[in-house]
Amino acid sequence: AGGASDHEAWGEMRQTFESAVELASKVDGGAHSSQVFLRWMRSEAYAMRDWKAAIKVGERLVQVWGGYYNVWNAYIVAVQFCVKADMQATLRDLFERAMAQVADYPDQMRGDYVQFERECGTYESWREAQRKVQALREAQEALQPQEPQTQADAQGAEAEQAANAGEDEVSAAGKGKGRGKGNKGGTDKKG
């Protein structure tokens, strides 16, 4: 209906977003630039359905805020909305990059990846995703430092050991008293 005028309007909109990014980067150390990038990326994906432009803006967003689950999730969902059905490799690449970068909710991102493969991939790709996620979890657990035992923990452990030792002594002292073979009543009644 307005082909060239729509293109011009979106060109102006993109210039406006670029100006907003520049302005946001000067205020509060750029803390608000993520909001500008998010709105720009979503406009490209949901309004224009331009996956290349959405990826271009999304890449800029994750360069600055890539350690956060919400940023990667918004990026992947926006791209998923506007890509063609045969572009699973693009989405798979985004998920793998996100799993390597997300620091605040890494397990959530891994779960999203497995769900993506279950819903959009093949049985083999889903199983491979499960194996990758399990390997990442095991590697993360191996890197987690063991918490040093505090003095209170050590004292608690010593008290528990002493209590257990006391129970063992009571049990040993009570053996054979009033309990004959097969007599579970606790008394030695003959008869």
N, C-alpha and C. Protein backbone atom coordinates (compact mmCIF):
# COMPACT_ATOMS: atom_id res chain seq x y z
N ALA A 1 0.82 -1.19 0.00
CA ALA A 1 0.00 0.00 0.00
C ALA A 1 0.86 1.24 0.00
N GLY A 2 1.96 1.25 0.59
CA GLY A 2 2.77 2.46 0.57
C GLY A 2 4.23 2.14 0.45
N GLY A 3 4.61 1.01 -0.08
CA GLY A 3 5.94 0.46 -0.23
C GLY A 3 7.10 1.38 0.07
N ALA A 4 7.32 2.38 -0.79
CA ALA A 4 8.47 3.27 -0.64
C ALA A 4 8.31 4.15 0.60
N SER A 5 7.10 4.61 0.87
CA SER A 5 6.90 5.47 2.04
C SER A 5 7.08 4.68 3.35
N ASP A 6 6.66 3.41 3.35
CA ASP A 6 6.89 2.56 4.53
C ASP A 6 8.37 2.37 4.77
N HIS A 7 9.09 2.13 3.69
CA HIS A 7 10.54 1.94 3.80
C HIS A 7 11.20 3.20 4.36
N GLU A 8 10.78 4.36 3.85
CA GLU A 8 11.33 5.63 4.34
C GLU A 8 10.98 5.85 5.81
N ALA A 9 9.73 5.52 6.16
CA ALA A 9 9.30 5.70 7.56
C ALA A 9 10.14 4.82 8.48
N TRP A 10 10.40 3.59 8.07
CA TRP A 10 11.22 2.71 8.93
C TRP A 10 12.67 3.17 8.95
N GLY A 11 13.13 3.77 7.87
CA GLY A 11 14.47 4.35 7.88
C GLY A 11 14.57 5.47 8.91
N GLU A 12 13.54 6.31 8.96
CA GLU A 12 13.51 7.38 9.96
C GLU A 12 13.40 6.80 11.37
N MET A 13 12.60 5.75 11.52
CA MET A 13 12.44 5.11 12.84
C MET A 13 13.77 4.54 13.31
N ARG A 14 14.49 3.92 12.42
CA ARG A 14 15.80 3.36 12.78
C ARG A 14 16.78 4.47 13.18
N GLN A 15 16.73 5.59 12.47
CA GLN A 15 17.58 6.73 12.85
C GLN A 15 17.21 7.25 14.23
N THR A 16 15.92 7.25 14.52
CA THR A 16 15.45 7.70 15.83
C THR A 16 15.94 6.76 16.92
N PHE A 17 15.85 5.46 16.68
CA PHE A 17 16.35 4.49 17.65
C PHE A 17 17.86 4.65 17.85
N GLU A 18 18.58 4.88 16.76
CA GLU A 18 20.04 5.07 16.86
C GLU A 18 20.35 6.30 17.70
N SER A 19 19.60 7.38 17.50
CA SER A 19 19.78 8.59 18.32
C SER A 19 19.46 8.31 19.78
N ALA A 20 18.42 7.52 20.02
CA ALA A 20 18.04 7.19 21.39
C ALA A 20 19.13 6.36 22.07
N VAL A 21 19.75 5.44 21.33
CA VAL A 21 20.85 4.64 21.89
C VAL A 21 22.01 5.56 22.26
N GLU A 22 22.33 6.48 21.38
CA GLU A 22 23.42 7.42 21.63
C GLU A 22 23.13 8.27 22.87
N LEU A 23 21.92 8.76 22.97
CA LEU A 23 21.53 9.57 24.13
C LEU A 23 21.56 8.73 25.41
N ALA A 24 21.01 7.53 25.36
CA ALA A 24 20.97 6.66 26.54
C ALA A 24 22.38 6.28 27.00
N SER A 25 23.30 6.16 26.07
CA SER A 25 24.67 5.79 26.46
C SER A 25 25.38 6.92 27.21
N LYS A 26 24.87 8.15 27.06
CA LYS A 26 25.47 9.30 27.74
C LYS A 26 24.88 9.53 29.13
N VAL A 27 23.72 8.95 29.40
CA VAL A 27 23.01 9.16 30.66
C VAL A 27 23.19 7.93 31.55
N ASP A 28 23.51 8.14 32.81
CA ASP A 28 23.63 7.06 33.80
C ASP A 28 24.57 5.95 33.34
N GLY A 29 25.60 6.30 32.64
CA GLY A 29 26.58 5.29 32.21
C GLY A 29 26.02 4.29 31.22
N GLY A 30 24.97 4.63 30.53
CA GLY A 30 24.40 3.74 29.52
C GLY A 30 23.45 2.71 30.07
N ALA A 31 23.04 2.88 31.32
CA ALA A 31 22.18 1.88 31.96
C ALA A 31 20.85 1.69 31.24
N HIS A 32 20.37 2.70 30.57
CA HIS A 32 19.07 2.61 29.92
C HIS A 32 19.17 2.20 28.45
N SER A 33 20.37 2.01 27.96
CA SER A 33 20.51 1.63 26.55
C SER A 33 19.88 0.27 26.27
N SER A 34 19.86 -0.61 27.27
CA SER A 34 19.26 -1.92 27.05
C SER A 34 17.78 -1.80 26.70
N GLN A 35 17.09 -0.85 27.33
CA GLN A 35 15.67 -0.66 27.04
C GLN A 35 15.46 -0.16 25.61
N VAL A 36 16.33 0.71 25.16
CA VAL A 36 16.22 1.20 23.79
C VAL A 36 16.48 0.07 22.80
N PHE A 37 17.55 -0.70 23.05
CA PHE A 37 17.84 -1.84 22.17
C PHE A 37 16.70 -2.85 22.15
N LEU A 38 16.13 -3.14 23.32
CA LEU A 38 15.02 -4.09 23.39
C LEU A 38 13.83 -3.63 22.56
N ARG A 39 13.46 -2.37 22.72
CA ARG A 39 12.31 -1.86 21.97
C ARG A 39 12.60 -1.82 20.47
N TRP A 40 13.82 -1.48 20.12
CA TRP A 40 14.20 -1.44 18.71
C TRP A 40 14.17 -2.85 18.12
N MET A 41 14.77 -3.79 18.83
CA MET A 41 14.81 -5.17 18.34
C MET A 41 13.39 -5.73 18.18
N ARG A 42 12.55 -5.47 19.17
CA ARG A 42 11.18 -5.97 19.09
C ARG A 42 10.41 -5.32 17.94
N SER A 43 10.66 -4.05 17.67
CA SER A 43 10.03 -3.37 16.54
C SER A 43 10.45 -4.02 15.23
N GLU A 44 11.73 -4.32 15.11
CA GLU A 44 12.22 -4.98 13.89
C GLU A 44 11.59 -6.36 13.72
N ALA A 45 11.49 -7.10 14.83
CA ALA A 45 10.98 -8.47 14.75
C ALA A 45 9.47 -8.53 14.59
N TYR A 46 8.74 -7.84 15.47
CA TYR A 46 7.30 -8.01 15.51
C TYR A 46 6.54 -7.09 14.55
N ALA A 47 7.04 -5.89 14.34
CA ALA A 47 6.34 -4.97 13.43
C ALA A 47 6.81 -5.15 11.99
N MET A 48 8.13 -5.17 11.80
CA MET A 48 8.67 -5.28 10.44
C MET A 48 8.87 -6.73 9.99
N ARG A 49 8.96 -7.64 10.96
CA ARG A 49 9.25 -9.05 10.66
C ARG A 49 10.52 -9.19 9.83
N ASP A 50 11.49 -8.39 10.20
CA ASP A 50 12.79 -8.37 9.51
C ASP A 50 13.81 -9.06 10.41
N TRP A 51 14.03 -10.35 10.17
CA TRP A 51 14.90 -11.12 11.06
C TRP A 51 16.34 -10.66 10.99
N LYS A 52 16.78 -10.20 9.82
CA LYS A 52 18.17 -9.73 9.71
C LYS A 52 18.38 -8.47 10.56
N ALA A 53 17.43 -7.55 10.51
CA ALA A 53 17.54 -6.32 11.31
C ALA A 53 17.40 -6.65 12.80
N ALA A 54 16.52 -7.59 13.14
CA ALA A 54 16.36 -7.99 14.54
C ALA A 54 17.65 -8.60 15.07
N ILE A 55 18.31 -9.41 14.27
CA ILE A 55 19.58 -10.01 14.69
C ILE A 55 20.65 -8.93 14.83
N LYS A 56 20.67 -7.99 13.90
CA LYS A 56 21.67 -6.91 13.96
C LYS A 56 21.54 -6.11 15.26
N VAL A 57 20.32 -5.76 15.63
CA VAL A 57 20.10 -5.01 16.86
C VAL A 57 20.33 -5.92 18.07
N GLY A 58 19.86 -7.15 17.98
CA GLY A 58 20.04 -8.10 19.08
C GLY A 58 21.51 -8.35 19.40
N GLU A 59 22.34 -8.39 18.37
CA GLU A 59 23.78 -8.57 18.59
C GLU A 59 24.37 -7.39 19.36
N ARG A 60 23.92 -6.22 19.04
CA ARG A 60 24.39 -5.03 19.78
C ARG A 60 23.93 -5.10 21.23
N LEU A 61 22.72 -5.57 21.43
CA LEU A 61 22.17 -5.69 22.78
C LEU A 61 22.99 -6.68 23.62
N VAL A 62 23.29 -7.85 23.07
CA VAL A 62 24.01 -8.85 23.88
C VAL A 62 25.48 -8.51 24.05
N GLN A 63 26.01 -7.63 23.21
CA GLN A 63 27.39 -7.17 23.43
C GLN A 63 27.48 -6.41 24.74
N VAL A 64 26.43 -5.69 25.08
CA VAL A 64 26.42 -4.87 26.28
C VAL A 64 25.83 -5.62 27.47
N TRP A 65 24.75 -6.37 27.26
CA TRP A 65 23.99 -6.97 28.35
C TRP A 65 23.87 -8.49 28.21
N GLY A 66 24.84 -9.13 27.60
CA GLY A 66 24.75 -10.56 27.29
C GLY A 66 24.83 -11.53 28.45
N GLY A 67 25.12 -11.06 29.65
CA GLY A 67 25.20 -11.96 30.79
C GLY A 67 23.87 -12.24 31.44
N TYR A 68 22.80 -11.64 30.92
CA TYR A 68 21.49 -11.74 31.56
C TYR A 68 20.53 -12.61 30.76
N TYR A 69 19.87 -13.50 31.48
CA TYR A 69 18.90 -14.41 30.87
C TYR A 69 17.80 -13.64 30.13
N ASN A 70 17.23 -12.63 30.76
CA ASN A 70 16.10 -11.92 30.14
C ASN A 70 16.47 -11.28 28.81
N VAL A 71 17.71 -10.82 28.69
CA VAL A 71 18.16 -10.22 27.44
C VAL A 71 18.23 -11.28 26.34
N TRP A 72 18.87 -12.40 26.64
CA TRP A 72 18.99 -13.46 25.63
C TRP A 72 17.62 -14.05 25.29
N ASN A 73 16.78 -14.22 26.30
CA ASN A 73 15.45 -14.77 26.05
C ASN A 73 14.67 -13.85 25.11
N ALA A 74 14.67 -12.56 25.36
CA ALA A 74 13.96 -11.61 24.49
C ALA A 74 14.52 -11.66 23.07
N TYR A 75 15.83 -11.75 22.97
CA TYR A 75 16.50 -11.81 21.66
C TYR A 75 16.08 -13.06 20.89
N ILE A 76 16.17 -14.20 21.53
CA ILE A 76 15.86 -15.47 20.86
C ILE A 76 14.39 -15.53 20.47
N VAL A 77 13.51 -15.12 21.36
CA VAL A 77 12.07 -15.15 21.07
C VAL A 77 11.74 -14.21 19.91
N ALA A 78 12.34 -13.04 19.88
CA ALA A 78 12.09 -12.10 18.78
C ALA A 78 12.55 -12.68 17.45
N VAL A 79 13.73 -13.26 17.43
CA VAL A 79 14.23 -13.84 16.19
C VAL A 79 13.38 -15.04 15.79
N GLN A 80 13.00 -15.85 16.76
CA GLN A 80 12.18 -17.03 16.48
C GLN A 80 10.84 -16.63 15.86
N PHE A 81 10.31 -15.49 16.29
CA PHE A 81 9.03 -15.02 15.77
C PHE A 81 9.10 -14.69 14.29
N CYS A 82 10.21 -14.14 13.85
CA CYS A 82 10.24 -13.63 12.48
C CYS A 82 11.09 -14.44 11.50
N VAL A 83 11.77 -15.49 11.95
CA VAL A 83 12.54 -16.30 11.00
C VAL A 83 11.65 -17.31 10.31
N LYS A 84 12.17 -17.84 9.24
CA LYS A 84 11.46 -18.87 8.50
C LYS A 84 11.65 -20.20 9.21
N ALA A 85 10.75 -21.11 8.95
CA ALA A 85 10.75 -22.41 9.64
C ALA A 85 12.04 -23.19 9.43
N ASP A 86 12.72 -22.99 8.31
CA ASP A 86 13.92 -23.77 8.02
C ASP A 86 15.20 -23.14 8.57
N MET A 87 15.07 -22.20 9.49
CA MET A 87 16.24 -21.50 10.02
C MET A 87 16.58 -21.95 11.44
N GLN A 88 16.39 -23.24 11.71
CA GLN A 88 16.66 -23.77 13.06
C GLN A 88 18.12 -23.61 13.43
N ALA A 89 19.02 -23.68 12.47
CA ALA A 89 20.45 -23.56 12.77
C ALA A 89 20.78 -22.19 13.35
N THR A 90 20.12 -21.15 12.87
CA THR A 90 20.33 -19.80 13.41
C THR A 90 19.91 -19.74 14.87
N LEU A 91 18.74 -20.28 15.17
CA LEU A 91 18.25 -20.28 16.54
C LEU A 91 19.10 -21.16 17.44
N ARG A 92 19.50 -22.30 16.93
CA ARG A 92 20.36 -23.22 17.70
C ARG A 92 21.67 -22.52 18.07
N ASP A 93 22.23 -21.77 17.13
CA ASP A 93 23.47 -21.02 17.39
C ASP A 93 23.24 -19.98 18.49
N LEU A 94 22.11 -19.29 18.44
CA LEU A 94 21.81 -18.29 19.47
C LEU A 94 21.69 -18.96 20.85
N PHE A 95 21.01 -20.11 20.91
CA PHE A 95 20.89 -20.81 22.19
C PHE A 95 22.25 -21.24 22.73
N GLU A 96 23.10 -21.75 21.87
CA GLU A 96 24.42 -22.20 22.33
C GLU A 96 25.27 -21.03 22.83
N ARG A 97 25.19 -19.92 22.13
CA ARG A 97 25.92 -18.72 22.59
C ARG A 97 25.35 -18.22 23.91
N ALA A 98 24.03 -18.25 24.03
CA ALA A 98 23.38 -17.79 25.27
C ALA A 98 23.79 -18.67 26.45
N MET A 99 23.82 -19.98 26.24
CA MET A 99 24.20 -20.88 27.34
C MET A 99 25.63 -20.61 27.80
N ALA A 100 26.48 -20.16 26.89
CA ALA A 100 27.86 -19.86 27.26
C ALA A 100 27.99 -18.53 27.99
N GLN A 101 27.02 -17.63 27.83
CA GLN A 101 27.16 -16.28 28.39
C GLN A 101 26.26 -15.98 29.58
N VAL A 102 25.09 -16.57 29.64
CA VAL A 102 24.14 -16.22 30.70
C VAL A 102 24.71 -16.60 32.06
N ALA A 103 24.74 -15.62 32.96
CA ALA A 103 25.31 -15.85 34.28
C ALA A 103 24.26 -15.87 35.38
N ASP A 104 23.13 -15.18 35.17
CA ASP A 104 22.18 -15.07 36.28
C ASP A 104 21.23 -16.27 36.39
N TYR A 105 20.80 -16.85 35.30
CA TYR A 105 19.91 -18.02 35.32
C TYR A 105 20.35 -19.03 34.26
N PRO A 106 21.53 -19.61 34.42
CA PRO A 106 22.02 -20.52 33.38
C PRO A 106 21.15 -21.78 33.21
N ASP A 107 20.60 -22.30 34.30
CA ASP A 107 19.76 -23.50 34.18
C ASP A 107 18.48 -23.21 33.41
N GLN A 108 17.93 -22.02 33.57
CA GLN A 108 16.73 -21.66 32.83
C GLN A 108 17.02 -21.61 31.33
N MET A 109 18.19 -21.04 30.96
CA MET A 109 18.55 -20.96 29.54
C MET A 109 18.76 -22.37 28.98
N ARG A 110 19.38 -23.23 29.75
CA ARG A 110 19.59 -24.61 29.30
C ARG A 110 18.26 -25.32 29.10
N GLY A 111 17.34 -25.09 30.02
CA GLY A 111 16.02 -25.69 29.89
C GLY A 111 15.28 -25.19 28.66
N ASP A 112 15.42 -23.91 28.38
CA ASP A 112 14.80 -23.33 27.18
C ASP A 112 15.37 -23.97 25.91
N TYR A 113 16.67 -24.23 25.92
CA TYR A 113 17.31 -24.85 24.76
C TYR A 113 16.78 -26.27 24.54
N VAL A 114 16.69 -27.04 25.61
CA VAL A 114 16.17 -28.40 25.49
C VAL A 114 14.72 -28.37 25.00
N GLN A 115 13.93 -27.44 25.52
CA GLN A 115 12.54 -27.32 25.08
C GLN A 115 12.46 -26.93 23.60
N PHE A 116 13.33 -26.01 23.17
CA PHE A 116 13.37 -25.62 21.76
C PHE A 116 13.64 -26.84 20.88
N GLU A 117 14.62 -27.64 21.26
CA GLU A 117 14.95 -28.83 20.46
C GLU A 117 13.81 -29.84 20.48
N ARG A 118 13.13 -29.97 21.61
CA ARG A 118 12.01 -30.91 21.70
C ARG A 118 10.88 -30.46 20.78
N GLU A 119 10.59 -29.16 20.75
CA GLU A 119 9.46 -28.65 19.98
C GLU A 119 9.78 -28.40 18.51
N CYS A 120 11.02 -28.01 18.21
CA CYS A 120 11.35 -27.58 16.85
C CYS A 120 12.38 -28.46 16.15
N GLY A 121 13.10 -29.25 16.91
CA GLY A 121 14.16 -30.05 16.31
C GLY A 121 13.71 -31.47 16.04
N THR A 122 14.68 -32.33 15.88
CA THR A 122 14.42 -33.75 15.67
C THR A 122 14.65 -34.49 16.99
N TYR A 123 14.29 -35.75 17.00
CA TYR A 123 14.53 -36.56 18.19
C TYR A 123 16.03 -36.57 18.50
N GLU A 124 16.85 -36.71 17.47
CA GLU A 124 18.30 -36.75 17.66
C GLU A 124 18.83 -35.43 18.20
N SER A 125 18.33 -34.31 17.68
CA SER A 125 18.82 -33.01 18.17
C SER A 125 18.36 -32.77 19.61
N TRP A 126 17.18 -33.26 19.95
CA TRP A 126 16.68 -33.13 21.32
C TRP A 126 17.55 -33.93 22.28
N ARG A 127 17.88 -35.17 21.90
CA ARG A 127 18.74 -36.01 22.74
C ARG A 127 20.14 -35.40 22.87
N GLU A 128 20.65 -34.85 21.78
CA GLU A 128 21.96 -34.19 21.81
C GLU A 128 21.92 -32.97 22.73
N ALA A 129 20.83 -32.22 22.69
CA ALA A 129 20.68 -31.06 23.58
C ALA A 129 20.68 -31.51 25.03
N GLN A 130 19.99 -32.60 25.32
CA GLN A 130 19.97 -33.12 26.69
C GLN A 130 21.38 -33.51 27.15
N ARG A 131 22.14 -34.15 26.26
CA ARG A 131 23.52 -34.54 26.60
C ARG A 131 24.39 -33.31 26.84
N LYS A 132 24.26 -32.30 25.98
CA LYS A 132 25.05 -31.07 26.14
C LYS A 132 24.74 -30.39 27.47
N VAL A 133 23.46 -30.28 27.77
CA VAL A 133 23.05 -29.62 29.01
C VAL A 133 23.55 -30.39 30.22
N GLN A 134 23.46 -31.71 30.18
CA GLN A 134 23.95 -32.52 31.30
C GLN A 134 25.46 -32.34 31.46
N ALA A 135 26.19 -32.31 30.36
CA ALA A 135 27.65 -32.11 30.43
C ALA A 135 27.98 -30.73 31.01
N LEU A 136 27.22 -29.71 30.61
CA LEU A 136 27.44 -28.36 31.15
C LEU A 136 27.16 -28.32 32.66
N ARG A 137 26.11 -28.99 33.09
CA ARG A 137 25.79 -29.03 34.52
C ARG A 137 26.88 -29.72 35.31
N GLU A 138 27.35 -30.85 34.79
CA GLU A 138 28.41 -31.58 35.47
C GLU A 138 29.69 -30.76 35.53
N ALA A 139 30.02 -30.06 34.46
CA ALA A 139 31.22 -29.22 34.44
C ALA A 139 31.07 -28.08 35.44
N GLN A 140 29.88 -27.51 35.52
CA GLN A 140 29.64 -26.42 36.47
C GLN A 140 29.76 -26.92 37.90
N GLU A 141 29.22 -28.09 38.19
CA GLU A 141 29.31 -28.66 39.53
C GLU A 141 30.76 -28.96 39.91
N ALA A 142 31.54 -29.41 38.94
CA ALA A 142 32.95 -29.73 39.20
C ALA A 142 33.75 -28.47 39.52
N LEU A 143 33.33 -27.34 38.94
CA LEU A 143 34.04 -26.08 39.16
C LEU A 143 33.62 -25.39 40.45
N GLN A 144 32.48 -25.78 41.00
CA GLN A 144 32.00 -25.15 42.22
C GLN A 144 32.94 -25.49 43.36
N PRO A 145 33.47 -24.49 44.05
CA PRO A 145 34.38 -24.78 45.17
C PRO A 145 33.60 -25.38 46.33
N GLN A 146 34.25 -26.29 47.03
CA GLN A 146 33.65 -26.86 48.22
C GLN A 146 33.65 -25.79 49.29
N GLU A 147 32.53 -25.64 49.98
CA GLU A 147 32.44 -24.62 51.02
C GLU A 147 33.32 -25.04 52.19
N PRO A 148 34.17 -24.13 52.65
CA PRO A 148 35.00 -24.47 53.80
C PRO A 148 34.12 -24.65 55.03
N GLN A 149 34.53 -25.57 55.87
CA GLN A 149 33.76 -25.86 57.07
C GLN A 149 34.02 -24.76 58.09
N THR A 150 32.95 -24.15 58.57
CA THR A 150 33.09 -23.09 59.56
C THR A 150 33.30 -23.72 60.93
N GLN A 151 33.72 -22.92 61.89
CA GLN A 151 33.96 -23.41 63.24
C GLN A 151 32.66 -23.96 63.83
N ALA A 152 31.55 -23.28 63.58
CA ALA A 152 30.26 -23.73 64.11
C ALA A 152 29.89 -25.08 63.50
N ASP A 153 30.15 -25.25 62.19
CA ASP A 153 29.86 -26.54 61.55
C ASP A 153 30.72 -27.63 62.15
N ALA A 154 32.00 -27.32 62.40
CA ALA A 154 32.91 -28.32 62.97
C ALA A 154 32.45 -28.71 64.37
N GLN A 155 32.03 -27.73 65.17
CA GLN A 155 31.57 -28.03 66.52
C GLN A 155 30.29 -28.86 66.47
N GLY A 156 29.41 -28.54 65.56
CA GLY A 156 28.17 -29.31 65.41
C GLY A 156 28.45 -30.74 65.01
N ALA A 157 29.41 -30.93 64.11
CA ALA A 157 29.77 -32.28 63.68
C ALA A 157 30.38 -33.06 64.84
N GLU A 158 31.23 -32.40 65.66
CA GLU A 158 31.83 -33.07 66.82
C GLU A 158 30.76 -33.46 67.82
N ALA A 159 29.80 -32.59 68.07
CA ALA A 159 28.73 -32.89 69.01
C ALA A 159 27.88 -34.05 68.51
N GLU A 160 27.62 -34.09 67.22
CA GLU A 160 26.84 -35.18 66.65
C GLU A 160 27.58 -36.50 66.77
N GLN A 161 28.89 -36.47 66.52
CA GLN A 161 29.69 -37.69 66.67
C GLN A 161 29.69 -38.17 68.11
N ALA A 162 29.81 -37.23 69.07
CA ALA A 162 29.80 -37.59 70.49
C ALA A 162 28.46 -38.19 70.87
N ALA A 163 27.38 -37.62 70.37
CA ALA A 163 26.05 -38.14 70.69
C ALA A 163 25.87 -39.53 70.11
N ASN A 164 26.35 -39.73 68.89
CA ASN A 164 26.26 -41.05 68.28
C ASN A 164 27.11 -42.06 69.04
N ALA A 165 28.27 -41.65 69.50
CA ALA A 165 29.14 -42.54 70.28
C ALA A 165 28.45 -42.90 71.59
N GLY A 166 27.80 -41.96 72.23
CA GLY A 166 27.07 -42.23 73.48
C GLY A 166 25.95 -43.21 73.27
N GLU A 167 25.23 -43.09 72.14
CA GLU A 167 24.15 -44.03 71.84
C GLU A 167 24.72 -45.42 71.62
N ASP A 168 25.87 -45.51 70.99
CA ASP A 168 26.50 -46.81 70.75
C ASP A 168 26.89 -47.47 72.07
N GLU A 169 27.39 -46.67 73.03
CA GLU A 169 27.78 -47.21 74.33
C GLU A 169 26.56 -47.72 75.08
N VAL A 170 25.46 -46.98 75.03
CA VAL A 170 24.23 -47.41 75.70
C VAL A 170 23.73 -48.69 75.07
N SER A 171 23.77 -48.78 73.75
CA SER A 171 23.31 -49.97 73.06
C SER A 171 24.17 -51.17 73.44
N ALA A 172 25.48 -50.96 73.50
CA ALA A 172 26.39 -52.05 73.84
C ALA A 172 26.18 -52.50 75.28
N ALA A 173 25.95 -51.56 76.19
CA ALA A 173 25.74 -51.90 77.60
C ALA A 173 24.43 -52.65 77.77
N GLY A 174 23.45 -52.37 76.95
CA GLY A 174 22.14 -53.00 77.10
C GLY A 174 22.05 -54.36 76.46
N LYS A 175 23.03 -54.76 75.69
CA LYS A 175 22.98 -56.05 75.01
C LYS A 175 23.10 -57.17 76.03
N GLY A 176 22.28 -58.15 75.88
CA GLY A 176 22.34 -59.33 76.73
C GLY A 176 21.58 -59.19 78.03
N LYS A 177 21.20 -58.02 78.42
CA LYS A 177 20.45 -57.84 79.67
C LYS A 177 18.97 -57.99 79.38
N GLY A 178 18.41 -59.01 79.95
CA GLY A 178 16.98 -59.18 79.84
C GLY A 178 16.52 -59.63 78.47
N ARG A 179 17.40 -59.95 77.61
CA ARG A 179 16.99 -60.36 76.26
C ARG A 179 17.66 -61.68 75.92
N GLY A 180 16.91 -62.64 75.93
CA GLY A 180 17.43 -63.94 75.51
C GLY A 180 17.12 -64.15 74.06
N LYS A 181 17.53 -65.28 73.55
CA LYS A 181 17.23 -65.59 72.15
C LYS A 181 15.75 -65.67 71.94
N GLY A 182 15.28 -64.92 70.99
CA GLY A 182 13.88 -64.96 70.64
C GLY A 182 12.99 -64.21 71.61
N ASN A 183 13.50 -63.68 72.69
CA ASN A 183 12.70 -62.95 73.64
C ASN A 183 12.81 -61.46 73.33
N LYS A 184 11.83 -60.91 72.70
CA LYS A 184 11.87 -59.51 72.30
C LYS A 184 11.12 -58.64 73.29
N GLY A 185 10.63 -59.23 74.33
CA GLY A 185 9.85 -58.47 75.30
C GLY A 185 10.74 -57.72 76.27
N GLY A 186 11.99 -58.05 76.38
CA GLY A 186 12.89 -57.31 77.22
C GLY A 186 13.06 -57.91 78.61
N THR A 187 12.43 -59.03 78.91
CA THR A 187 12.59 -59.66 80.22
C THR A 187 12.98 -61.11 80.04
N ASP A 188 13.63 -61.65 81.04
CA ASP A 188 14.02 -63.05 81.00
C ASP A 188 13.00 -63.87 81.78
N LYS A 189 11.94 -64.19 81.18
CA LYS A 189 10.94 -65.01 81.85
C LYS A 189 11.12 -66.41 81.34
N LYS A 190 11.23 -67.30 82.26
CA LYS A 190 11.33 -68.69 81.88
C LYS A 190 9.99 -69.32 82.14
N GLY A 191 9.62 -70.05 81.25
CA GLY A 191 8.39 -70.68 81.61
C GLY A 191 7.62 -71.10 80.51
